[in-house]
C-alpha atoms as a PDB file:
ATOM      1  CA  MET A   1       5.752 -10.513   3.580  1.00  0.00           C
ATOM      2  CA  SER A   2       7.057  -7.235   4.979  1.00  0.00           C
ATOM      3  CA  LEU A   3       5.076  -4.249   3.616  1.00  0.00           C
ATOM      4  CA  VAL A   4       5.903  -0.587   4.343  1.00  0.00           C
ATOM      5  CA  GLU A   5       3.357   2.222   4.163  1.00  0.00           C
ATOM      6  CA  THR A   6       4.134   5.421   2.372  1.00  0.00           C
ATOM      7  CA  ARG A   7       2.630   8.968   2.409  1.00  0.00           C
ATOM      8  CA  TYR A   8       0.485   7.815  -0.561  1.00  0.00           C
ATOM      9  CA  GLU A   9      -2.821   6.327   0.453  1.00  0.00           C
ATOM     10  CA  HIS A  10      -2.745   3.410  -2.038  1.00  0.00           C
ATOM     11  CA  VAL A  11       1.069   2.765  -2.395  1.00  0.00           C
ATOM     12  CA  ILE A  12       3.103   0.607  -0.270  1.00  0.00           C
ATOM     13  CA  LEU A  13       6.725  -0.768  -0.440  1.00  0.00           C
ATOM     14  CA  ASN A  14       7.060  -4.519  -0.691  1.00  0.00           C
ATOM     15  CA  GLU A  15       9.863  -6.534   0.798  1.00  0.00           C
ATOM     16  CA  ALA A  16      12.148  -5.515  -2.199  1.00  0.00           C
ATOM     17  CA  GLN A  17      11.321  -1.908  -1.419  1.00  0.00           C
ATOM     18  CA  ALA A  18       9.541  -1.689  -4.740  1.00  0.00           C
ATOM     19  CA  PRO A  19       6.350   0.502  -4.703  1.00  0.00           C
ATOM     20  CA  ILE A  20       3.273  -1.436  -5.372  1.00  0.00           C
ATOM     21  CA  ILE A  21      -0.531  -0.618  -5.362  1.00  0.00           C
ATOM     22  CA  ALA A  22      -1.826  -1.621  -1.888  1.00  0.00           C
ATOM     23  CA  GLY A  23      -3.946  -4.793  -2.082  1.00  0.00           C
ATOM     24  CA  THR A  24      -2.577  -5.892  -5.439  1.00  0.00           C
ATOM     25  CA  ASN A  25       0.646  -7.233  -6.936  1.00  0.00           C
ATOM     26  CA  MET A  26       0.847  -4.439  -9.359  1.00  0.00           C
ATOM     27  CA  LYS A  27       4.044  -2.414  -9.243  1.00  0.00           C
ATOM     28  CA  VAL A  28       3.814   1.357  -9.749  1.00  0.00           C
ATOM     29  CA  ILE A  29       6.356   1.146 -12.673  1.00  0.00           C
ATOM     30  CA  GLU A  30       4.206  -1.363 -14.429  1.00  0.00           C
ATOM     31  CA  LEU A  31       1.312   1.083 -14.546  1.00  0.00           C
ATOM     32  CA  VAL A  32       3.668   3.838 -15.448  1.00  0.00           C
ATOM     33  CA  LEU A  33       5.256   1.785 -18.302  1.00  0.00           C
ATOM     34  CA  GLU A  34       1.673   1.040 -19.666  1.00  0.00           C
ATOM     35  CA  LYS A  35       0.865   4.825 -19.477  1.00  0.00           C
ATOM     36  CA  THR A  36       4.060   5.669 -21.366  1.00  0.00           C
ATOM     37  CA  ALA A  37       4.027   2.867 -23.944  1.00  0.00           C
ATOM     38  CA  TYR A  38       0.440   3.273 -24.864  1.00  0.00           C
ATOM     39  CA  GLY A  39      -0.302   6.870 -24.052  1.00  0.00           C
ATOM     40  CA  TRP A  40      -3.087   5.834 -21.816  1.00  0.00           C
ATOM     41  CA  SER A  41      -4.779   8.323 -19.501  1.00  0.00           C
ATOM     42  CA  PRO A  42      -5.723   7.333 -15.953  1.00  0.00           C
ATOM     43  CA  GLU A  43      -9.164   6.577 -17.089  1.00  0.00           C
ATOM     44  CA  GLU A  44      -7.847   4.299 -19.869  1.00  0.00           C
ATOM     45  CA  LEU A  45      -5.627   2.581 -17.279  1.00  0.00           C
ATOM     46  CA  TYR A  46      -8.901   2.147 -15.127  1.00  0.00           C
ATOM     47  CA  PHE A  47     -10.609   0.490 -18.048  1.00  0.00           C
ATOM     48  CA  GLN A  48      -7.700  -1.749 -18.747  1.00  0.00           C
ATOM     49  CA  HIS A  49      -7.426  -2.699 -15.016  1.00  0.00           C
ATOM     50  CA  PRO A  50     -10.968  -2.789 -13.617  1.00  0.00           C
ATOM     51  CA  TYR A  51      -9.619  -4.261 -10.368  1.00  0.00           C
ATOM     52  CA  LEU A  52      -7.992  -0.912  -9.593  1.00  0.00           C
ATOM     53  CA  THR A  53      -9.834   2.196  -8.425  1.00  0.00           C
ATOM     54  CA  LEU A  54      -9.082   5.586  -9.949  1.00  0.00           C
ATOM     55  CA  GLY A  55      -7.830   6.533  -6.519  1.00  0.00           C
ATOM     56  CA  GLN A  56      -5.183   3.764  -6.689  1.00  0.00           C
ATOM     57  CA  ILE A  57      -4.127   4.730 -10.145  1.00  0.00           C
ATOM     58  CA  TYR A  58      -3.895   8.415  -9.404  1.00  0.00           C
ATOM     59  CA  SER A  59      -1.992   7.708  -6.207  1.00  0.00           C
ATOM     60  CA  ALA A  60       0.432   5.499  -8.122  1.00  0.00           C
ATOM     61  CA  LEU A  61       0.974   8.130 -10.743  1.00  0.00           C
ATOM     62  CA  ALA A  62       1.499  10.825  -7.962  1.00  0.00           C
ATOM     63  CA  TYR A  63       4.140   8.390  -6.409  1.00  0.00           C
ATOM     64  CA  TYR A  64       5.824   8.119  -9.667  1.00  0.00           C
ATOM     65  CA  TRP A  65       5.983  11.902 -10.333  1.00  0.00           C
ATOM     66  CA  ASP A  66       7.343  12.453  -6.811  1.00  0.00           C
ATOM     67  CA  HIS A  67      10.008   9.793  -7.221  1.00  0.00           C
ATOM     68  CA  GLN A  68      10.539   9.962 -11.000  1.00  0.00           C
ATOM     69  CA  GLU A  69      14.319  10.000 -11.008  1.00  0.00           C
ATOM     70  CA  GLU A  70      14.617   6.944  -8.827  1.00  0.00           C
ATOM     71  CA  LEU A  71      11.907   4.993 -10.601  1.00  0.00           C
ATOM     72  CA  ASP A  72      13.247   5.991 -14.086  1.00  0.00           C
ATOM     73  CA  ARG A  73      16.678   4.560 -13.015  1.00  0.00           C
ATOM     74  CA  ASP A  74      14.914   1.302 -12.011  1.00  0.00           C
ATOM     75  CA  ILE A  75      13.116   1.063 -15.313  1.00  0.00           C
ATOM     76  CA  GLU A  76      16.471   1.651 -17.091  1.00  0.00           C
ATOM     77  CA  ARG A  77      18.210  -1.039 -15.008  1.00  0.00           C
ATOM     78  CA  ARG A  78      15.413  -3.519 -15.835  1.00  0.00           C
ATOM     79  CA  LEU A  79      15.626  -2.640 -19.552  1.00  0.00           C
ATOM     80  CA  GLU A  80      19.344  -3.150 -19.567  1.00  0.00           C
ATOM     81  CA  PHE A  81      18.909  -6.606 -17.903  1.00  0.00           C
ATOM     82  CA  VAL A  82      16.400  -7.632 -20.575  1.00  0.00           C
ATOM     83  CA  ASP A  83      18.902  -6.530 -23.239  1.00  0.00           C
ATOM     84  CA  GLN A  84      21.630  -8.607 -21.554  1.00  0.00           C
ATOM     85  CA  VAL A  85      19.546 -11.602 -21.511  1.00  0.00           C
ATOM     86  CA  GLN A  86      18.360 -11.179 -25.045  1.00  0.00           C
ATOM     87  CA  ARG A  87      22.007 -10.737 -26.375  1.00  0.00           C
ATOM     88  CA  ALA A  88      23.074 -13.994 -24.499  1.00  0.00           C
ATOM     89  CA  MET A  89      20.339 -16.201 -25.854  1.00  0.00           C
ATOM     90  CA  GLU A  90      20.577 -18.050 -29.006  1.00  0.00           C
ATOM     91  CA  PRO A  91      18.043 -17.117 -31.591  1.00  0.00           C
ATOM     92  CA  SER A  92      14.995 -19.517 -31.740  1.00  0.00           C
ATOM     93  CA  PRO A  93      14.936 -22.092 -34.727  1.00  0.00           C
ATOM     94  CA  LEU A  94      11.959 -20.037 -36.144  1.00  0.00           C
ATOM     95  CA  VAL A  95      13.930 -16.835 -35.981  1.00  0.00           C
ATOM     96  CA  ALA A  96      16.967 -18.431 -37.583  1.00  0.00           C
ATOM     97  CA  ARG A  97      14.774 -19.804 -40.358  1.00  0.00           C
ATOM     98  CA  LEU A  98      13.137 -16.579 -41.085  1.00  0.00           C
ATOM     99  CA  LYS A  99      16.554 -14.824 -41.091  1.00  0.00           C
ATOM    100  CA  ALA A 100      17.913 -17.447 -43.445  1.00  0.00           C
ATOM    101  CA  LYS A 101      14.994 -16.642 -45.747  1.00  0.00           C
ATOM    102  CA  GLY A 102      15.554 -12.886 -45.525  1.00  0.00           C
ATOM    103  CA  LEU A 103      12.100 -12.458 -43.927  1.00  0.00           C
ATOM    104  CA  ILE A 104      13.476 -10.561 -40.930  1.00  0.00           C
END
């Protein structure tokens, strides 16, 4: 596994050049998405991820803010991929039954 250090003490780039928190598998964008989706503070992120330190969390958030445009494009690209996959899939039998009954 080829890792590249960054200026951020707790953030490294993995082999796909995605920023991750050093010593973990957590991508910076995963932490940012949780912060955005749930409105979590760094302290709440720490509570939800006790294996991370506050230093790691703040470093990841600092990396995001310094690279926001690039990471936001990556998030948008990932969301578009999920939308494509969902559109290409047949609805599950359960969803089909619920739609037929007008429940969704």
